[in-house]
Amino acid sequence: MAGTTIELDEKLVEVLPRLGRPIEDAARELMVMELYRRTEISRGKAAELLGMRLADFLDVAGGLGIPYIFDMTEEEWAAERRVIEEMAREYRSSVTPAR
């Protein structure tokens, strides 16, 4: 992995640990989420950069209020359908029928 050193203001360094993760991880997530929000990278690329499954990335992005962006290629639509089908299978297997 290529590395870059970024100087951060002391006040920012004091705030980042409040996110409950190492500063490097918190900064990476913030940068990736902002790139996704600005549509500079796809949801798949963002998930990859954060080491997340696509479904988990979408949950995190949605929790941060980042809108779901509907600008997809045919391949992305197919991947999206697979994610939705996987989520549906997981949901069905976790639901206990009422007696």
C-alpha atoms as a PDB file:
ATOM      1  CA  MET A   1       0.000   0.000   0.000  1.00  0.00           C
ATOM      2  CA  ALA A   2       1.358   3.419  -0.910  1.00  0.00           C
ATOM      3  CA  GLY A   3       1.655   5.844   1.942  1.00  0.00           C
ATOM      4  CA  THR A   4       1.292   9.565   2.304  1.00  0.00           C
ATOM      5  CA  THR A   5       1.818  11.707   5.344  1.00  0.00           C
ATOM      6  CA  ILE A   6      -0.815  14.339   6.019  1.00  0.00           C
ATOM      7  CA  GLU A   7      -0.380  17.041   8.611  1.00  0.00           C
ATOM      8  CA  LEU A   8      -3.531  17.530  10.650  1.00  0.00           C
ATOM      9  CA  ASP A   9      -4.437  20.441  12.856  1.00  0.00           C
ATOM     10  CA  GLU A  10      -4.207  19.608  16.566  1.00  0.00           C
ATOM     11  CA  LYS A  11      -7.913  20.276  17.046  1.00  0.00           C
ATOM     12  CA  LEU A  12      -8.806  17.784  14.306  1.00  0.00           C
ATOM     13  CA  VAL A  13      -6.485  15.178  15.826  1.00  0.00           C
ATOM     14  CA  GLU A  14      -8.375  15.644  19.119  1.00  0.00           C
ATOM     15  CA  VAL A  15     -11.761  15.053  17.428  1.00  0.00           C
ATOM     16  CA  LEU A  16     -10.999  12.012  15.234  1.00  0.00           C
ATOM     17  CA  PRO A  17     -10.547   9.550  18.140  1.00  0.00           C
ATOM     18  CA  ARG A  18     -14.185  10.217  19.098  1.00  0.00           C
ATOM     19  CA  LEU A  19     -15.110   8.034  16.124  1.00  0.00           C
ATOM     20  CA  GLY A  20     -13.833   5.069  18.145  1.00  0.00           C
ATOM     21  CA  ARG A  21     -11.191   3.898  15.674  1.00  0.00           C
ATOM     22  CA  PRO A  22      -7.548   4.634  14.951  1.00  0.00           C
ATOM     23  CA  ILE A  23      -7.117   8.040  13.341  1.00  0.00           C
ATOM     24  CA  GLU A  24      -5.864   6.487  10.089  1.00  0.00           C
ATOM     25  CA  ASP A  25      -8.985   4.310   9.747  1.00  0.00           C
ATOM     26  CA  ALA A  26     -11.353   7.159  10.594  1.00  0.00           C
ATOM     27  CA  ALA A  27      -9.629   9.488   8.119  1.00  0.00           C
ATOM     28  CA  ARG A  28      -9.710   6.818   5.372  1.00  0.00           C
ATOM     29  CA  GLU A  29     -13.444   6.243   5.896  1.00  0.00           C
ATOM     30  CA  LEU A  30     -14.201   9.969   5.848  1.00  0.00           C
ATOM     31  CA  MET A  31     -12.241  10.469   2.621  1.00  0.00           C
ATOM     32  CA  VAL A  32     -13.784   7.464   0.866  1.00  0.00           C
ATOM     33  CA  MET A  33     -17.322   8.408   1.933  1.00  0.00           C
ATOM     34  CA  GLU A  34     -16.828  11.946   0.659  1.00  0.00           C
ATOM     35  CA  LEU A  35     -15.457  10.708  -2.667  1.00  0.00           C
ATOM     36  CA  TYR A  36     -18.505   8.447  -3.013  1.00  0.00           C
ATOM     37  CA  ARG A  37     -20.888  11.265  -2.034  1.00  0.00           C
ATOM     38  CA  ARG A  38     -19.319  13.461  -4.731  1.00  0.00           C
ATOM     39  CA  THR A  39     -19.672  10.560  -7.227  1.00  0.00           C
ATOM     40  CA  GLU A  40     -15.908  10.491  -7.799  1.00  0.00           C
ATOM     41  CA  ILE A  41     -15.861   6.746  -7.068  1.00  0.00           C
ATOM     42  CA  SER A  42     -18.493   4.013  -7.349  1.00  0.00           C
ATOM     43  CA  ARG A  43     -20.111   2.276  -4.388  1.00  0.00           C
ATOM     44  CA  GLY A  44     -18.204  -0.882  -5.310  1.00  0.00           C
ATOM     45  CA  LYS A  45     -14.863   0.927  -5.349  1.00  0.00           C
ATOM     46  CA  ALA A  46     -15.708   2.644  -2.061  1.00  0.00           C
ATOM     47  CA  ALA A  47     -16.576  -0.700  -0.433  1.00  0.00           C
ATOM     48  CA  GLU A  48     -13.356  -2.192  -1.787  1.00  0.00           C
ATOM     49  CA  LEU A  49     -11.241   0.701  -0.462  1.00  0.00           C
ATOM     50  CA  LEU A  50     -12.782   0.265   2.978  1.00  0.00           C
ATOM     51  CA  GLY A  51     -12.500  -3.527   2.927  1.00  0.00           C
ATOM     52  CA  MET A  52     -16.278  -3.947   3.295  1.00  0.00           C
ATOM     53  CA  ARG A  53     -18.928  -6.023   1.609  1.00  0.00           C
ATOM     54  CA  LEU A  54     -21.072  -3.846  -0.635  1.00  0.00           C
ATOM     55  CA  ALA A  55     -24.162  -4.391   1.532  1.00  0.00           C
ATOM     56  CA  ASP A  56     -22.242  -3.254   4.632  1.00  0.00           C
ATOM     57  CA  PHE A  57     -20.926  -0.189   2.816  1.00  0.00           C
ATOM     58  CA  LEU A  58     -24.463   0.771   1.773  1.00  0.00           C
ATOM     59  CA  ASP A  59     -25.633   0.425   5.382  1.00  0.00           C
ATOM     60  CA  VAL A  60     -22.814   2.659   6.654  1.00  0.00           C
ATOM     61  CA  ALA A  61     -23.290   5.249   3.903  1.00  0.00           C
ATOM     62  CA  GLY A  62     -27.043   5.320   4.493  1.00  0.00           C
ATOM     63  CA  GLY A  63     -26.477   5.701   8.236  1.00  0.00           C
ATOM     64  CA  LEU A  64     -24.351   8.746   7.498  1.00  0.00           C
ATOM     65  CA  GLY A  65     -27.124  10.231   5.370  1.00  0.00           C
ATOM     66  CA  ILE A  66     -25.246   9.763   2.105  1.00  0.00           C
ATOM     67  CA  PRO A  67     -27.851   9.194  -0.588  1.00  0.00           C
ATOM     68  CA  TYR A  68     -27.871   6.078  -2.699  1.00  0.00           C
ATOM     69  CA  ILE A  69     -26.650   7.080  -6.155  1.00  0.00           C
ATOM     70  CA  PHE A  70     -28.453   5.489  -9.132  1.00  0.00           C
ATOM     71  CA  ASP A  71     -25.870   5.918 -11.868  1.00  0.00           C
ATOM     72  CA  MET A  72     -25.006   2.331 -12.738  1.00  0.00           C
ATOM     73  CA  THR A  73     -23.630   0.344 -15.620  1.00  0.00           C
ATOM     74  CA  GLU A  74     -25.182  -2.990 -16.634  1.00  0.00           C
ATOM     75  CA  GLU A  75     -22.498  -4.781 -14.618  1.00  0.00           C
ATOM     76  CA  GLU A  76     -23.233  -2.666 -11.542  1.00  0.00           C
ATOM     77  CA  TRP A  77     -26.970  -3.403 -11.885  1.00  0.00           C
ATOM     78  CA  ALA A  78     -26.177  -7.127 -11.964  1.00  0.00           C
ATOM     79  CA  ALA A  79     -23.943  -6.808  -8.891  1.00  0.00           C
ATOM     80  CA  GLU A  80     -26.649  -4.788  -7.150  1.00  0.00           C
ATOM     81  CA  ARG A  81     -29.225  -7.482  -7.838  1.00  0.00           C
ATOM     82  CA  ARG A  82     -26.870 -10.120  -6.372  1.00  0.00           C
ATOM     83  CA  VAL A  83     -26.415  -8.030  -3.210  1.00  0.00           C
ATOM     84  CA  ILE A  84     -30.169  -7.571  -2.808  1.00  0.00           C
ATOM     85  CA  GLU A  85     -30.779 -11.277  -3.328  1.00  0.00           C
ATOM     86  CA  GLU A  86     -28.100 -12.122  -0.744  1.00  0.00           C
ATOM     87  CA  MET A  87     -29.607  -9.677   1.744  1.00  0.00           C
ATOM     88  CA  ALA A  88     -33.061 -11.188   1.156  1.00  0.00           C
ATOM     89  CA  ARG A  89     -31.706 -14.719   1.764  1.00  0.00           C
ATOM     90  CA  GLU A  90     -29.990 -13.572   4.982  1.00  0.00           C
ATOM     91  CA  TYR A  91     -33.177 -11.880   6.141  1.00  0.00           C
ATOM     92  CA  ARG A  92     -35.354 -14.900   5.394  1.00  0.00           C
ATOM     93  CA  SER A  93     -32.981 -17.209   7.261  1.00  0.00           C
ATOM     94  CA  SER A  94     -32.969 -14.903  10.325  1.00  0.00           C
ATOM     95  CA  VAL A  95     -36.757 -14.533  10.616  1.00  0.00           C
ATOM     96  CA  THR A  96     -38.446 -16.946  12.987  1.00  0.00           C
ATOM     97  CA  PRO A  97     -41.972 -17.891  11.926  1.00  0.00           C
ATOM     98  CA  ALA A  98     -44.733 -16.908  14.368  1.00  0.00           C
ATOM     99  CA  ARG A  99     -46.445 -19.774  16.174  1.00  0.00           C
END
